[in-house]
Amino acid sequence: MSQTGQRLSDKIIIAHRQAVEDGKAEVAEMLIQALEIDASYTGGPQPELRENIQDVEAAFSLQAEFRARHGRSQ
């Protein structure tokens, strides 16, 4: 993913991956919540029409694995 023309959700996914890699559980949790909000947001001047949701699904899978490793449930 490049920075130019990047969706907010793409930036959240990158930040989430870094939080997981750094072992920052609370930050990762907040970012996955932000991703949920952004993914469900409707309206605005340019609604997001994402055709490929593999990155979003991967972020949620990564969070589930991270929660399992760190004894957290959600």
PDB file of N, CA and C in Angstrom:
ATOM      1  N   MET A   1       0.833  -1.175   0.000  1.00  0.00           N
ATOM      2  CA  MET A   1       0.000   0.000   0.000  1.00  0.00           C
ATOM      3  C   MET A   1       0.878   1.238   0.000  1.00  0.00           C
ATOM      4  N   SER A   2       0.618   2.145  -0.914  1.00  0.00           N
ATOM      5  CA  SER A   2       1.397   3.372  -0.962  1.00  0.00           C
ATOM      6  C   SER A   2       0.677   4.467  -0.192  1.00  0.00           C
ATOM      7  N   GLN A   3       1.393   5.510   0.201  1.00  0.00           N
ATOM      8  CA  GLN A   3       0.807   6.607   0.962  1.00  0.00           C
ATOM      9  C   GLN A   3      -0.102   7.470   0.099  1.00  0.00           C
ATOM     10  N   THR A   4       0.198   7.610  -1.193  1.00  0.00           N
ATOM     11  CA  THR A   4      -0.567   8.477  -2.065  1.00  0.00           C
ATOM     12  C   THR A   4      -1.951   7.904  -2.321  1.00  0.00           C
ATOM     13  N   GLY A   5      -2.970   8.718  -2.071  1.00  0.00           N
ATOM     14  CA  GLY A   5      -4.327   8.285  -2.329  1.00  0.00           C
ATOM     15  C   GLY A   5      -4.800   7.175  -1.425  1.00  0.00           C
ATOM     16  N   GLN A   6      -4.150   6.990  -0.310  1.00  0.00           N
ATOM     17  CA  GLN A   6      -4.464   5.893   0.591  1.00  0.00           C
ATOM     18  C   GLN A   6      -5.730   6.206   1.390  1.00  0.00           C
ATOM     19  N   ARG A   7      -6.569   5.226   1.520  1.00  0.00           N
ATOM     20  CA  ARG A   7      -7.778   5.359   2.330  1.00  0.00           C
ATOM     21  C   ARG A   7      -7.402   5.435   3.805  1.00  0.00           C
ATOM     22  N   LEU A   8      -8.280   6.046   4.582  1.00  0.00           N
ATOM     23  CA  LEU A   8      -8.088   6.078   6.031  1.00  0.00           C
ATOM     24  C   LEU A   8      -7.991   4.654   6.568  1.00  0.00           C
ATOM     25  N   SER A   9      -8.851   3.767   6.075  1.00  0.00           N
ATOM     26  CA  SER A   9      -8.829   2.382   6.554  1.00  0.00           C
ATOM     27  C   SER A   9      -7.490   1.704   6.277  1.00  0.00           C
ATOM     28  N   ASP A  10      -6.855   2.042   5.155  1.00  0.00           N
ATOM     29  CA  ASP A  10      -5.534   1.474   4.858  1.00  0.00           C
ATOM     30  C   ASP A  10      -4.505   1.932   5.883  1.00  0.00           C
ATOM     31  N   LYS A  11      -4.580   3.206   6.256  1.00  0.00           N
ATOM     32  CA  LYS A  11      -3.648   3.736   7.254  1.00  0.00           C
ATOM     33  C   LYS A  11      -3.884   3.106   8.616  1.00  0.00           C
ATOM     34  N   ILE A  12      -5.154   2.882   8.947  1.00  0.00           N
ATOM     35  CA  ILE A  12      -5.484   2.231  10.218  1.00  0.00           C
ATOM     36  C   ILE A  12      -4.938   0.804  10.226  1.00  0.00           C
ATOM     37  N   ILE A  13      -5.076   0.094   9.113  1.00  0.00           N
ATOM     38  CA  ILE A  13      -4.579  -1.280   9.011  1.00  0.00           C
ATOM     39  C   ILE A  13      -3.065  -1.324   9.207  1.00  0.00           C
ATOM     40  N   ILE A  14      -2.357  -0.389   8.604  1.00  0.00           N
ATOM     41  CA  ILE A  14      -0.895  -0.330   8.752  1.00  0.00           C
ATOM     42  C   ILE A  14      -0.519  -0.045  10.202  1.00  0.00           C
ATOM     43  N   ALA A  15      -1.201   0.916  10.826  1.00  0.00           N
ATOM     44  CA  ALA A  15      -0.926   1.254  12.222  1.00  0.00           C
ATOM     45  C   ALA A  15      -1.262   0.078  13.140  1.00  0.00           C
ATOM     46  N   HIS A  16      -2.354  -0.626  12.838  1.00  0.00           N
ATOM     47  CA  HIS A  16      -2.742  -1.784  13.635  1.00  0.00           C
ATOM     48  C   HIS A  16      -1.673  -2.873  13.569  1.00  0.00           C
ATOM     49  N   ARG A  17      -1.192  -3.140  12.361  1.00  0.00           N
ATOM     50  CA  ARG A  17      -0.145  -4.158  12.192  1.00  0.00           C
ATOM     51  C   ARG A  17       1.094  -3.796  13.010  1.00  0.00           C
ATOM     52  N   GLN A  18       1.461  -2.507  12.999  1.00  0.00           N
ATOM     53  CA  GLN A  18       2.618  -2.073  13.766  1.00  0.00           C
ATOM     54  C   GLN A  18       2.366  -2.228  15.271  1.00  0.00           C
ATOM     55  N   ALA A  19       1.175  -1.888  15.731  1.00  0.00           N
ATOM     56  CA  ALA A  19       0.855  -2.034  17.153  1.00  0.00           C
ATOM     57  C   ALA A  19       0.953  -3.498  17.579  1.00  0.00           C
ATOM     58  N   VAL A  20       0.454  -4.399  16.743  1.00  0.00           N
ATOM     59  CA  VAL A  20       0.549  -5.831  17.039  1.00  0.00           C
ATOM     60  C   VAL A  20       2.018  -6.259  17.077  1.00  0.00           C
ATOM     61  N   GLU A  21       2.791  -5.849  16.078  1.00  0.00           N
ATOM     62  CA  GLU A  21       4.215  -6.208  16.031  1.00  0.00           C
ATOM     63  C   GLU A  21       4.968  -5.678  17.244  1.00  0.00           C
ATOM     64  N   ASP A  22       4.554  -4.506  17.749  1.00  0.00           N
ATOM     65  CA  ASP A  22       5.198  -3.902  18.914  1.00  0.00           C
ATOM     66  C   ASP A  22       4.637  -4.423  20.232  1.00  0.00           C
ATOM     67  N   GLY A  23       3.607  -5.295  20.156  1.00  0.00           N
ATOM     68  CA  GLY A  23       3.015  -5.863  21.354  1.00  0.00           C
ATOM     69  C   GLY A  23       2.166  -4.892  22.147  1.00  0.00           C
ATOM     70  N   LYS A  24       1.648  -3.873  21.499  1.00  0.00           N
ATOM     71  CA  LYS A  24       0.837  -2.847  22.171  1.00  0.00           C
ATOM     72  C   LYS A  24      -0.640  -3.218  22.054  1.00  0.00           C
ATOM     73  N   ALA A  25      -1.079  -4.043  23.003  1.00  0.00           N
ATOM     74  CA  ALA A  25      -2.425  -4.612  22.950  1.00  0.00           C
ATOM     75  C   ALA A  25      -3.532  -3.562  22.991  1.00  0.00           C
ATOM     76  N   GLU A  26      -3.418  -2.584  23.876  1.00  0.00           N
ATOM     77  CA  GLU A  26      -4.472  -1.579  23.984  1.00  0.00           C
ATOM     78  C   GLU A  26      -4.564  -0.728  22.720  1.00  0.00           C
ATOM     79  N   VAL A  27      -3.425  -0.391  22.161  1.00  0.00           N
ATOM     80  CA  VAL A  27      -3.402   0.399  20.933  1.00  0.00           C
ATOM     81  C   VAL A  27      -4.003  -0.411  19.792  1.00  0.00           C
ATOM     82  N   ALA A  28      -3.627  -1.669  19.686  1.00  0.00           N
ATOM     83  CA  ALA A  28      -4.167  -2.537  18.638  1.00  0.00           C
ATOM     84  C   ALA A  28      -5.682  -2.654  18.769  1.00  0.00           C
ATOM     85  N   GLU A  29      -6.156  -2.769  19.997  1.00  0.00           N
ATOM     86  CA  GLU A  29      -7.600  -2.880  20.239  1.00  0.00           C
ATOM     87  C   GLU A  29      -8.324  -1.610  19.791  1.00  0.00           C
ATOM     88  N   MET A  30      -7.763  -0.476  20.126  1.00  0.00           N
ATOM     89  CA  MET A  30      -8.386   0.795  19.721  1.00  0.00           C
ATOM     90  C   MET A  30      -8.380   0.959  18.209  1.00  0.00           C
ATOM     91  N   LEU A  31      -7.303   0.552  17.588  1.00  0.00           N
ATOM     92  CA  LEU A  31      -7.223   0.678  16.128  1.00  0.00           C
ATOM     93  C   LEU A  31      -8.200  -0.256  15.426  1.00  0.00           C
ATOM     94  N   ILE A  32      -8.388  -1.464  15.948  1.00  0.00           N
ATOM     95  CA  ILE A  32      -9.338  -2.374  15.310  1.00  0.00           C
ATOM     96  C   ILE A  32     -10.758  -1.829  15.484  1.00  0.00           C
ATOM     97  N   GLN A  33     -11.020  -1.170  16.608  1.00  0.00           N
ATOM     98  CA  GLN A  33     -12.316  -0.524  16.797  1.00  0.00           C
ATOM     99  C   GLN A  33     -12.486   0.634  15.812  1.00  0.00           C
ATOM    100  N   ALA A  34     -11.421   1.397  15.595  1.00  0.00           N
ATOM    101  CA  ALA A  34     -11.474   2.491  14.616  1.00  0.00           C
ATOM    102  C   ALA A  34     -11.727   1.931  13.219  1.00  0.00           C
ATOM    103  N   LEU A  35     -11.123   0.794  12.910  1.00  0.00           N
ATOM    104  CA  LEU A  35     -11.338   0.165  11.606  1.00  0.00           C
ATOM    105  C   LEU A  35     -12.792  -0.274  11.460  1.00  0.00           C
ATOM    106  N   GLU A  36     -13.366  -0.817  12.527  1.00  0.00           N
ATOM    107  CA  GLU A  36     -14.780  -1.215  12.499  1.00  0.00           C
ATOM    108  C   GLU A  36     -15.675  -0.003  12.222  1.00  0.00           C
ATOM    109  N   ILE A  37     -15.385   1.098  12.903  1.00  0.00           N
ATOM    110  CA  ILE A  37     -16.176   2.316  12.715  1.00  0.00           C
ATOM    111  C   ILE A  37     -16.025   2.833  11.300  1.00  0.00           C
ATOM    112  N   ASP A  38     -14.792   2.901  10.817  1.00  0.00           N
ATOM    113  CA  ASP A  38     -14.555   3.407   9.472  1.00  0.00           C
ATOM    114  C   ASP A  38     -15.202   2.510   8.419  1.00  0.00           C
ATOM    115  N   ALA A  39     -15.143   1.214   8.627  1.00  0.00           N
ATOM    116  CA  ALA A  39     -15.702   0.273   7.651  1.00  0.00           C
ATOM    117  C   ALA A  39     -17.227   0.355   7.607  1.00  0.00           C
ATOM    118  N   SER A  40     -17.838   0.757   8.713  1.00  0.00           N
ATOM    119  CA  SER A  40     -19.296   0.815   8.747  1.00  0.00           C
ATOM    120  C   SER A  40     -19.836   2.223   8.508  1.00  0.00           C
ATOM    121  N   TYR A  41     -18.936   3.187   8.320  1.00  0.00           N
ATOM    122  CA  TYR A  41     -19.345   4.581   8.118  1.00  0.00           C
ATOM    123  C   TYR A  41     -20.026   4.739   6.768  1.00  0.00           C
ATOM    124  N   THR A  42     -21.168   5.390   6.785  1.00  0.00           N
ATOM    125  CA  THR A  42     -21.859   5.692   5.537  1.00  0.00           C
ATOM    126  C   THR A  42     -22.062   7.191   5.448  1.00  0.00           C
ATOM    127  N   GLY A  43     -22.098   7.679   4.237  1.00  0.00           N
ATOM    128  CA  GLY A  43     -22.285   9.103   4.039  1.00  0.00           C
ATOM    129  C   GLY A  43     -20.976   9.781   3.718  1.00  0.00           C
ATOM    130  N   GLY A  44     -20.970  11.075   3.857  1.00  0.00           N
ATOM    131  CA  GLY A  44     -19.774  11.831   3.544  1.00  0.00           C
ATOM    132  C   GLY A  44     -19.711  12.128   2.068  1.00  0.00           C
ATOM    133  N   PRO A  45     -18.755  12.957   1.682  1.00  0.00           N
ATOM    134  CA  PRO A  45     -18.671  13.362   0.279  1.00  0.00           C
ATOM    135  C   PRO A  45     -18.283  12.229  -0.667  1.00  0.00           C
ATOM    136  N   GLN A  46     -17.474  11.284  -0.190  1.00  0.00           N
ATOM    137  CA  GLN A  46     -17.047  10.164  -1.027  1.00  0.00           C
ATOM    138  C   GLN A  46     -17.107   8.876  -0.218  1.00  0.00           C
ATOM    139  N   PRO A  47     -18.244   8.189  -0.220  1.00  0.00           N
ATOM    140  CA  PRO A  47     -18.303   6.929   0.514  1.00  0.00           C
ATOM    141  C   PRO A  47     -17.289   5.927  -0.041  1.00  0.00           C
ATOM    142  N   GLU A  48     -16.707   5.156   0.854  1.00  0.00           N
ATOM    143  CA  GLU A  48     -15.692   4.183   0.451  1.00  0.00           C
ATOM    144  C   GLU A  48     -16.350   2.979  -0.194  1.00  0.00           C
ATOM    145  N   LEU A  49     -15.917   2.658  -1.378  1.00  0.00           N
ATOM    146  CA  LEU A  49     -16.412   1.476  -2.086  1.00  0.00           C
ATOM    147  C   LEU A  49     -15.226   0.547  -2.312  1.00  0.00           C
ATOM    148  N   ARG A  50     -14.939  -0.246  -1.332  1.00  0.00           N
ATOM    149  CA  ARG A  50     -13.781  -1.142  -1.378  1.00  0.00           C
ATOM    150  C   ARG A  50     -14.209  -2.446  -2.032  1.00  0.00           C
ATOM    151  N   GLU A  51     -13.550  -2.795  -3.107  1.00  0.00           N
ATOM    152  CA  GLU A  51     -13.843  -4.063  -3.779  1.00  0.00           C
ATOM    153  C   GLU A  51     -13.077  -5.213  -3.153  1.00  0.00           C
ATOM    154  N   ASN A  52     -11.831  -4.960  -2.784  1.00  0.00           N
ATOM    155  CA  ASN A  52     -10.977  -5.997  -2.221  1.00  0.00           C
ATOM    156  C   ASN A  52     -10.918  -5.789  -0.703  1.00  0.00           C
ATOM    157  N   ILE A  53     -11.536  -6.686   0.036  1.00  0.00           N
ATOM    158  CA  ILE A  53     -11.556  -6.530   1.488  1.00  0.00           C
ATOM    159  C   ILE A  53     -10.579  -7.473   2.192  1.00  0.00           C
ATOM    160  N   GLN A  54      -9.657  -8.039   1.439  1.00  0.00           N
ATOM    161  CA  GLN A  54      -8.696  -8.975   2.035  1.00  0.00           C
ATOM    162  C   GLN A  54      -7.862  -8.329   3.133  1.00  0.00           C
ATOM    163  N   ASP A  55      -7.435  -7.071   2.941  1.00  0.00           N
ATOM    164  CA  ASP A  55      -6.635  -6.399   3.965  1.00  0.00           C
ATOM    165  C   ASP A  55      -7.437  -6.171   5.236  1.00  0.00           C
ATOM    166  N   VAL A  56      -8.699  -5.825   5.091  1.00  0.00           N
ATOM    167  CA  VAL A  56      -9.573  -5.610   6.249  1.00  0.00           C
ATOM    168  C   VAL A  56      -9.778  -6.932   6.986  1.00  0.00           C
ATOM    169  N   GLU A  57     -10.093  -7.984   6.248  1.00  0.00           N
ATOM    170  CA  GLU A  57     -10.280  -9.305   6.865  1.00  0.00           C
ATOM    171  C   GLU A  57      -8.999  -9.771   7.549  1.00  0.00           C
ATOM    172  N   ALA A  58      -7.858  -9.511   6.936  1.00  0.00           N
ATOM    173  CA  ALA A  58      -6.574  -9.910   7.522  1.00  0.00           C
ATOM    174  C   ALA A  58      -6.329  -9.183   8.841  1.00  0.00           C
ATOM    175  N   ALA A  59      -6.712  -7.915   8.918  1.00  0.00           N
ATOM    176  CA  ALA A  59      -6.533  -7.148  10.147  1.00  0.00           C
ATOM    177  C   ALA A  59      -7.371  -7.745  11.279  1.00  0.00           C
ATOM    178  N   PHE A  60      -8.604  -8.111  10.976  1.00  0.00           N
ATOM    179  CA  PHE A  60      -9.462  -8.714  12.002  1.00  0.00           C
ATOM    180  C   PHE A  60      -8.942 -10.092  12.414  1.00  0.00           C
ATOM    181  N   SER A  61      -8.417 -10.850  11.484  1.00  0.00           N
ATOM    182  CA  SER A  61      -7.820 -12.154  11.813  1.00  0.00           C
ATOM    183  C   SER A  61      -6.584 -11.982  12.681  1.00  0.00           C
ATOM    184  N   LEU A  62      -5.749 -11.002  12.314  1.00  0.00           N
ATOM    185  CA  LEU A  62      -4.541 -10.717  13.086  1.00  0.00           C
ATOM    186  C   LEU A  62      -4.913 -10.324  14.511  1.00  0.00           C
ATOM    187  N   GLN A  63      -5.967  -9.509  14.654  1.00  0.00           N
ATOM    188  CA  GLN A  63      -6.399  -9.092  15.988  1.00  0.00           C
ATOM    189  C   GLN A  63      -6.901 -10.281  16.796  1.00  0.00           C
ATOM    190  N   ALA A  64      -7.632 -11.174  16.169  1.00  0.00           N
ATOM    191  CA  ALA A  64      -8.125 -12.362  16.871  1.00  0.00           C
ATOM    192  C   ALA A  64      -6.958 -13.218  17.359  1.00  0.00           C
ATOM    193  N   GLU A  65      -5.949 -13.390  16.522  1.00  0.00           N
ATOM    194  CA  GLU A  65      -4.761 -14.158  16.908  1.00  0.00           C
ATOM    195  C   GLU A  65      -4.019 -13.460  18.048  1.00  0.00           C
ATOM    196  N   PHE A  66      -3.913 -12.144  17.951  1.00  0.00           N
ATOM    197  CA  PHE A  66      -3.219 -11.354  18.971  1.00  0.00           C
ATOM    198  C   PHE A  66      -3.946 -11.467  20.312  1.00  0.00           C
ATOM    199  N   ARG A  67      -5.270 -11.372  20.283  1.00  0.00           N
ATOM    200  CA  ARG A  67      -6.065 -11.517  21.507  1.00  0.00           C
ATOM    201  C   ARG A  67      -5.850 -12.901  22.119  1.00  0.00           C
ATOM    202  N   ALA A  68      -5.857 -13.921  21.279  1.00  0.00           N
ATOM    203  CA  ALA A  68      -5.683 -15.293  21.769  1.00  0.00           C
ATOM    204  C   ALA A  68      -4.310 -15.481  22.420  1.00  0.00           C
ATOM    205  N   ARG A  69      -3.276 -14.918  21.815  1.00  0.00           N
ATOM    206  CA  ARG A  69      -1.911 -15.047  22.360  1.00  0.00           C
ATOM    207  C   ARG A  69      -1.757 -14.304  23.678  1.00  0.00           C
ATOM    208  N   HIS A  70      -2.504 -13.225  23.847  1.00  0.00           N
ATOM    209  CA  HIS A  70      -2.343 -12.386  25.027  1.00  0.00           C
ATOM    210  C   HIS A  70      -3.476 -12.559  26.028  1.00  0.00           C
ATOM    211  N   GLY A  71      -4.262 -13.622  25.862  1.00  0.00           N
ATOM    212  CA  GLY A  71      -5.297 -13.951  26.827  1.00  0.00           C
ATOM    213  C   GLY A  71      -6.404 -12.923  26.931  1.00  0.00           C
ATOM    214  N   ARG A  72      -6.661 -12.242  25.849  1.00  0.00           N
ATOM    215  CA  ARG A  72      -7.731 -11.247  25.840  1.00  0.00           C
ATOM    216  C   ARG A  72      -8.897 -11.786  25.050  1.00  0.00           C
ATOM    217  N   SER A  73     -10.090 -11.405  25.467  1.00  0.00           N
ATOM    218  CA  SER A  73     -11.268 -11.776  24.697  1.00  0.00           C
ATOM    219  C   SER A  73     -12.031 -10.527  24.349  1.00  0.00           C
ATOM    220  N   GLN A  74     -12.813 -10.606  23.310  1.00  0.00           N
ATOM    221  CA  GLN A  74     -13.603  -9.451  22.879  1.00  0.00           C
ATOM    222  C   GLN A  74     -14.772  -9.919  22.083  1.00  0.00           C
TER     223      GLN A  74
END
